[in-house]
């Protein structure tokens, strides 16, 4: 019987944190939360004729699929997402909405946000196979890590939330794992 794992974090050693945002019997979708692109937020929105009134920041690389598509991961009031998209938790959602991008640029979001370009997709059975081979460490989703921890610290903070460090988990092909 199928059981969805979303939302959760998938930790790819040595240092990648992925938010598994959707997991259905036929596929799964995730977003890398700690990889910056070379593109700045202001550069991207300028290309879309959107003006910014917030300080510039780096855009994140969400994954290799549709890497020219933007997704806003953002905080909102409990159970009140601002637009259509994926509800991750009571107060965090992800949306490809241009309206949300405009609100973000204007500084009109109710909480923190990041702009992600692209996503990670898994075909049927791929995620389960990769988990069984130890390619990811599966852990609970911690909302505070997704947007309230500096990007460079998210991977380590997720492990620390379980009382471990990333060094506690070693992916050694054909050998014992600590």
C-alpha atoms as a PDB file:
ATOM      1  CA  UNK A   1       0.000   0.000   0.000  1.00  0.00           C
ATOM      2  CA  UNK A   2       1.318   3.437  -0.974  1.00  0.00           C
ATOM      3  CA  UNK A   3       2.163   5.982   1.731  1.00  0.00           C
ATOM      4  CA  UNK A   4       3.223   9.531   0.822  1.00  0.00           C
ATOM      5  CA  UNK A   5       6.434  10.743   2.431  1.00  0.00           C
ATOM      6  CA  UNK A   6       5.788  14.422   1.630  1.00  0.00           C
ATOM      7  CA  UNK A   7       6.565  16.772   3.115  1.00  0.00           C
ATOM      8  CA  UNK A   8       9.979  15.699   4.338  1.00  0.00           C
ATOM      9  CA  UNK A   9      13.637  16.464   3.870  1.00  0.00           C
ATOM     10  CA  UNK A  10      15.888  14.278   1.755  1.00  0.00           C
ATOM     11  CA  UNK A  11      19.526  14.757   2.599  1.00  0.00           C
ATOM     12  CA  UNK A  12      21.964  13.943  -0.188  1.00  0.00           C
ATOM     13  CA  UNK A  13      25.451  13.586   1.158  1.00  0.00           C
ATOM     14  CA  UNK A  14      27.746  15.386   1.405  1.00  0.00           C
ATOM     15  CA  UNK A  15      25.725  18.624   1.649  1.00  0.00           C
ATOM     16  CA  UNK A  16      22.419  18.914  -0.243  1.00  0.00           C
ATOM     17  CA  UNK A  17      19.040  19.409   1.427  1.00  0.00           C
ATOM     18  CA  UNK A  18      15.947  18.674  -0.649  1.00  0.00           C
ATOM     19  CA  UNK A  19      12.386  19.462   0.350  1.00  0.00           C
ATOM     20  CA  UNK A  20      10.174  16.645  -0.916  1.00  0.00           C
ATOM     21  CA  UNK A  21       7.109  18.767  -1.631  1.00  0.00           C
ATOM     22  CA  UNK A  22       4.825  16.237  -3.340  1.00  0.00           C
ATOM     23  CA  UNK A  23       4.819  12.449  -3.386  1.00  0.00           C
ATOM     24  CA  UNK A  24       2.140  10.482  -5.150  1.00  0.00           C
ATOM     25  CA  UNK A  25       2.020   6.898  -6.323  1.00  0.00           C
ATOM     26  CA  UNK A  26       3.124   7.877  -9.828  1.00  0.00           C
ATOM     27  CA  UNK A  27       5.766  10.508  -9.118  1.00  0.00           C
ATOM     28  CA  UNK A  28       7.399  12.876  -6.667  1.00  0.00           C
ATOM     29  CA  UNK A  29       8.611  16.480  -6.756  1.00  0.00           C
ATOM     30  CA  UNK A  30      11.245  18.190  -4.650  1.00  0.00           C
ATOM     31  CA  UNK A  31      13.265  21.389  -4.385  1.00  0.00           C
ATOM     32  CA  UNK A  32      16.895  21.896  -3.393  1.00  0.00           C
ATOM     33  CA  UNK A  33      16.946  24.458  -0.564  1.00  0.00           C
ATOM     34  CA  UNK A  34      20.647  25.260  -0.272  1.00  0.00           C
ATOM     35  CA  UNK A  35      22.150  25.857  -3.718  1.00  0.00           C
ATOM     36  CA  UNK A  36      22.523  29.426  -4.928  1.00  0.00           C
ATOM     37  CA  UNK A  37      22.594  30.296  -8.623  1.00  0.00           C
ATOM     38  CA  UNK A  38      24.751  33.051 -10.094  1.00  0.00           C
ATOM     39  CA  UNK A  39      21.556  34.950 -10.879  1.00  0.00           C
ATOM     40  CA  UNK A  40      20.434  37.694  -8.524  1.00  0.00           C
ATOM     41  CA  UNK A  41      16.805  38.308  -7.622  1.00  0.00           C
ATOM     42  CA  UNK A  42      16.939  41.836  -9.084  1.00  0.00           C
ATOM     43  CA  UNK A  43      18.379  40.580 -12.387  1.00  0.00           C
ATOM     44  CA  UNK A  44      15.642  37.997 -12.742  1.00  0.00           C
ATOM     45  CA  UNK A  45      12.730  40.284 -11.957  1.00  0.00           C
ATOM     46  CA  UNK A  46      14.145  43.058 -14.151  1.00  0.00           C
ATOM     47  CA  UNK A  47      13.954  40.626 -17.084  1.00  0.00           C
ATOM     48  CA  UNK A  48      10.256  40.210 -16.204  1.00  0.00           C
ATOM     49  CA  UNK A  49       9.682  43.998 -15.987  1.00  0.00           C
ATOM     50  CA  UNK A  50       9.069  43.826 -12.230  1.00  0.00           C
ATOM     51  CA  UNK A  51      10.498  46.524  -9.967  1.00  0.00           C
ATOM     52  CA  UNK A  52      12.071  45.667  -6.626  1.00  0.00           C
ATOM     53  CA  UNK A  53      11.885  47.554  -3.363  1.00  0.00           C
ATOM     54  CA  UNK A  54      13.725  44.901  -1.311  1.00  0.00           C
ATOM     55  CA  UNK A  55      17.481  44.321  -1.003  1.00  0.00           C
ATOM     56  CA  UNK A  56      18.969  42.067  -3.677  1.00  0.00           C
ATOM     57  CA  UNK A  57      19.559  38.389  -2.929  1.00  0.00           C
ATOM     58  CA  UNK A  58      20.617  35.246  -4.761  1.00  0.00           C
ATOM     59  CA  UNK A  59      18.099  33.034  -6.507  1.00  0.00           C
ATOM     60  CA  UNK A  60      18.268  29.355  -5.517  1.00  0.00           C
ATOM     61  CA  UNK A  61      18.682  26.381  -7.841  1.00  0.00           C
ATOM     62  CA  UNK A  62      15.653  24.202  -7.119  1.00  0.00           C
ATOM     63  CA  UNK A  63      16.663  21.398  -9.458  1.00  0.00           C
ATOM     64  CA  UNK A  64      17.425  20.399 -13.046  1.00  0.00           C
ATOM     65  CA  UNK A  65      13.862  20.130 -14.380  1.00  0.00           C
ATOM     66  CA  UNK A  66      12.248  23.267 -15.830  1.00  0.00           C
ATOM     67  CA  UNK A  67      15.212  25.293 -14.608  1.00  0.00           C
ATOM     68  CA  UNK A  68      13.816  28.417 -16.259  1.00  0.00           C
ATOM     69  CA  UNK A  69      10.613  28.132 -14.213  1.00  0.00           C
ATOM     70  CA  UNK A  70      10.432  30.004 -10.924  1.00  0.00           C
ATOM     71  CA  UNK A  71       8.801  28.846  -7.717  1.00  0.00           C
ATOM     72  CA  UNK A  72       8.333  30.946  -4.593  1.00  0.00           C
ATOM     73  CA  UNK A  73       8.588  29.083  -1.291  1.00  0.00           C
ATOM     74  CA  UNK A  74       7.073  31.376   1.300  1.00  0.00           C
ATOM     75  CA  UNK A  75       5.641  31.763   4.779  1.00  0.00           C
ATOM     76  CA  UNK A  76       2.016  32.758   5.262  1.00  0.00           C
ATOM     77  CA  UNK A  77      -0.582  32.900   8.007  1.00  0.00           C
ATOM     78  CA  UNK A  78      -1.609  29.440   9.247  1.00  0.00           C
ATOM     79  CA  UNK A  79      -3.851  27.667   6.721  1.00  0.00           C
ATOM     80  CA  UNK A  80      -4.020  30.770   4.493  1.00  0.00           C
ATOM     81  CA  UNK A  81      -1.773  30.357   1.424  1.00  0.00           C
ATOM     82  CA  UNK A  82      -1.699  33.504  -0.698  1.00  0.00           C
ATOM     83  CA  UNK A  83      -2.119  31.766  -4.067  1.00  0.00           C
ATOM     84  CA  UNK A  84      -2.517  28.335  -5.642  1.00  0.00           C
ATOM     85  CA  UNK A  85       0.362  25.898  -5.374  1.00  0.00           C
ATOM     86  CA  UNK A  86       1.654  23.187  -3.050  1.00  0.00           C
ATOM     87  CA  UNK A  87       0.860  23.470   0.639  1.00  0.00           C
ATOM     88  CA  UNK A  88       3.900  22.154   2.486  1.00  0.00           C
ATOM     89  CA  UNK A  89       2.839  22.849   6.057  1.00  0.00           C
ATOM     90  CA  UNK A  90       0.263  24.928   7.869  1.00  0.00           C
ATOM     91  CA  UNK A  91       2.288  28.087   7.182  1.00  0.00           C
ATOM     92  CA  UNK A  92       4.615  27.283   4.225  1.00  0.00           C
ATOM     93  CA  UNK A  93       3.643  26.902   0.572  1.00  0.00           C
ATOM     94  CA  UNK A  94       5.305  26.794  -2.847  1.00  0.00           C
ATOM     95  CA  UNK A  95       3.833  28.449  -5.915  1.00  0.00           C
ATOM     96  CA  UNK A  96       4.865  29.375  -9.474  1.00  0.00           C
ATOM     97  CA  UNK A  97       2.646  32.481  -9.246  1.00  0.00           C
ATOM     98  CA  UNK A  98       3.923  35.645 -10.936  1.00  0.00           C
ATOM     99  CA  UNK A  99       1.626  37.605  -8.614  1.00  0.00           C
ATOM    100  CA  UNK A 100       3.569  36.216  -5.617  1.00  0.00           C
ATOM    101  CA  UNK A 101       6.843  37.098  -7.325  1.00  0.00           C
ATOM    102  CA  UNK A 102       5.587  40.676  -7.709  1.00  0.00           C
ATOM    103  CA  UNK A 103       4.502  40.778  -4.032  1.00  0.00           C
ATOM    104  CA  UNK A 104       7.899  39.395  -3.013  1.00  0.00           C
ATOM    105  CA  UNK A 105       9.744  42.059  -5.009  1.00  0.00           C
ATOM    106  CA  UNK A 106       7.565  44.770  -3.483  1.00  0.00           C
ATOM    107  CA  UNK A 107       8.311  43.569   0.057  1.00  0.00           C
ATOM    108  CA  UNK A 108       4.668  42.636   0.625  1.00  0.00           C
ATOM    109  CA  UNK A 109       5.071  39.039   1.794  1.00  0.00           C
ATOM    110  CA  UNK A 110       3.868  38.177   5.308  1.00  0.00           C
ATOM    111  CA  UNK A 111       7.098  36.306   6.104  1.00  0.00           C
ATOM    112  CA  UNK A 112      10.304  34.952   4.630  1.00  0.00           C
ATOM    113  CA  UNK A 113      10.571  33.635   1.087  1.00  0.00           C
ATOM    114  CA  UNK A 114      13.052  32.216  -1.409  1.00  0.00           C
ATOM    115  CA  UNK A 115      12.868  32.071  -5.197  1.00  0.00           C
ATOM    116  CA  UNK A 116      13.784  28.674  -6.642  1.00  0.00           C
ATOM    117  CA  UNK A 117      14.536  27.963 -10.306  1.00  0.00           C
ATOM    118  CA  UNK A 118      13.621  24.447 -11.387  1.00  0.00           C
ATOM    119  CA  UNK A 119      12.766  21.354  -9.376  1.00  0.00           C
ATOM    120  CA  UNK A 120      13.702  17.709  -8.921  1.00  0.00           C
ATOM    121  CA  UNK A 121      11.337  15.110 -10.330  1.00  0.00           C
ATOM    122  CA  UNK A 122      11.176  11.406  -9.609  1.00  0.00           C
ATOM    123  CA  UNK A 123       9.501   8.903 -11.928  1.00  0.00           C
ATOM    124  CA  UNK A 124       7.424   6.018 -10.504  1.00  0.00           C
ATOM    125  CA  UNK A 125       9.471   3.960  -8.062  1.00  0.00           C
ATOM    126  CA  UNK A 126      12.652   6.036  -8.529  1.00  0.00           C
ATOM    127  CA  UNK A 127      12.544   7.752  -5.133  1.00  0.00           C
ATOM    128  CA  UNK A 128      11.918   4.511  -3.266  1.00  0.00           C
ATOM    129  CA  UNK A 129      14.752   2.809  -5.156  1.00  0.00           C
ATOM    130  CA  UNK A 130      17.191   5.627  -4.436  1.00  0.00           C
ATOM    131  CA  UNK A 131      16.223   5.598  -0.746  1.00  0.00           C
ATOM    132  CA  UNK A 132      16.745   1.825  -0.559  1.00  0.00           C
ATOM    133  CA  UNK A 133      20.242   2.267  -2.038  1.00  0.00           C
ATOM    134  CA  UNK A 134      21.144   4.882   0.586  1.00  0.00           C
ATOM    135  CA  UNK A 135      21.390   7.817  -1.827  1.00  0.00           C
ATOM    136  CA  UNK A 136      19.304   9.963   0.525  1.00  0.00           C
ATOM    137  CA  UNK A 137      18.811  10.203   4.248  1.00  0.00           C
ATOM    138  CA  UNK A 138      15.098  10.680   4.871  1.00  0.00           C
ATOM    139  CA  UNK A 139      14.107  12.929   7.755  1.00  0.00           C
ATOM    140  CA  UNK A 140      11.064  14.872   8.941  1.00  0.00           C
ATOM    141  CA  UNK A 141      10.273  18.287   7.546  1.00  0.00           C
ATOM    142  CA  UNK A 142      11.240  21.048   9.976  1.00  0.00           C
ATOM    143  CA  UNK A 143       9.410  24.239   8.851  1.00  0.00           C
ATOM    144  CA  UNK A 144      11.790  26.540  10.719  1.00  0.00           C
ATOM    145  CA  UNK A 145      14.757  25.215   8.695  1.00  0.00           C
ATOM    146  CA  UNK A 146      13.141  25.769   5.296  1.00  0.00           C
ATOM    147  CA  UNK A 147      13.073  29.571   5.522  1.00  0.00           C
ATOM    148  CA  UNK A 148      14.361  30.748   8.901  1.00  0.00           C
ATOM    149  CA  UNK A 149      17.889  29.337   8.792  1.00  0.00           C
ATOM    150  CA  UNK A 150      20.593  30.881   6.563  1.00  0.00           C
ATOM    151  CA  UNK A 151      20.897  28.986   3.274  1.00  0.00           C
ATOM    152  CA  UNK A 152      24.464  27.846   3.976  1.00  0.00           C
ATOM    153  CA  UNK A 153      23.438  26.341   7.344  1.00  0.00           C
ATOM    154  CA  UNK A 154      20.235  24.478   6.373  1.00  0.00           C
ATOM    155  CA  UNK A 155      21.858  21.099   5.693  1.00  0.00           C
ATOM    156  CA  UNK A 156      23.713  20.960   9.001  1.00  0.00           C
ATOM    157  CA  UNK A 157      20.776  22.369  11.013  1.00  0.00           C
ATOM    158  CA  UNK A 158      18.483  19.625   9.694  1.00  0.00           C
ATOM    159  CA  UNK A 159      20.840  16.945  11.032  1.00  0.00           C
ATOM    160  CA  UNK A 160      21.258  18.824  14.309  1.00  0.00           C
ATOM    161  CA  UNK A 161      17.450  18.834  14.699  1.00  0.00           C
ATOM    162  CA  UNK A 162      17.717  15.056  15.033  1.00  0.00           C
ATOM    163  CA  UNK A 163      20.580  15.294  17.504  1.00  0.00           C
ATOM    164  CA  UNK A 164      23.222  14.304  14.927  1.00  0.00           C
ATOM    165  CA  UNK A 165      25.768  15.834  12.593  1.00  0.00           C
ATOM    166  CA  UNK A 166      26.056  14.983   8.918  1.00  0.00           C
ATOM    167  CA  UNK A 167      29.244  13.086   9.803  1.00  0.00           C
ATOM    168  CA  UNK A 168      27.039  10.584  11.675  1.00  0.00           C
ATOM    169  CA  UNK A 169      25.832   9.322   8.306  1.00  0.00           C
ATOM    170  CA  UNK A 170      28.271   7.997   5.760  1.00  0.00           C
ATOM    171  CA  UNK A 171      27.218   6.588   2.422  1.00  0.00           C
ATOM    172  CA  UNK A 172      29.763   3.868   1.770  1.00  0.00           C
ATOM    173  CA  UNK A 173      28.976   1.604  -1.186  1.00  0.00           C
ATOM    174  CA  UNK A 174      29.255  -2.021  -0.196  1.00  0.00           C
ATOM    175  CA  UNK A 175      30.392  -1.282   3.332  1.00  0.00           C
ATOM    176  CA  UNK A 176      29.067  -0.620   6.770  1.00  0.00           C
ATOM    177  CA  UNK A 177      27.453   2.688   7.511  1.00  0.00           C
ATOM    178  CA  UNK A 178      27.973   4.575  10.744  1.00  0.00           C
END
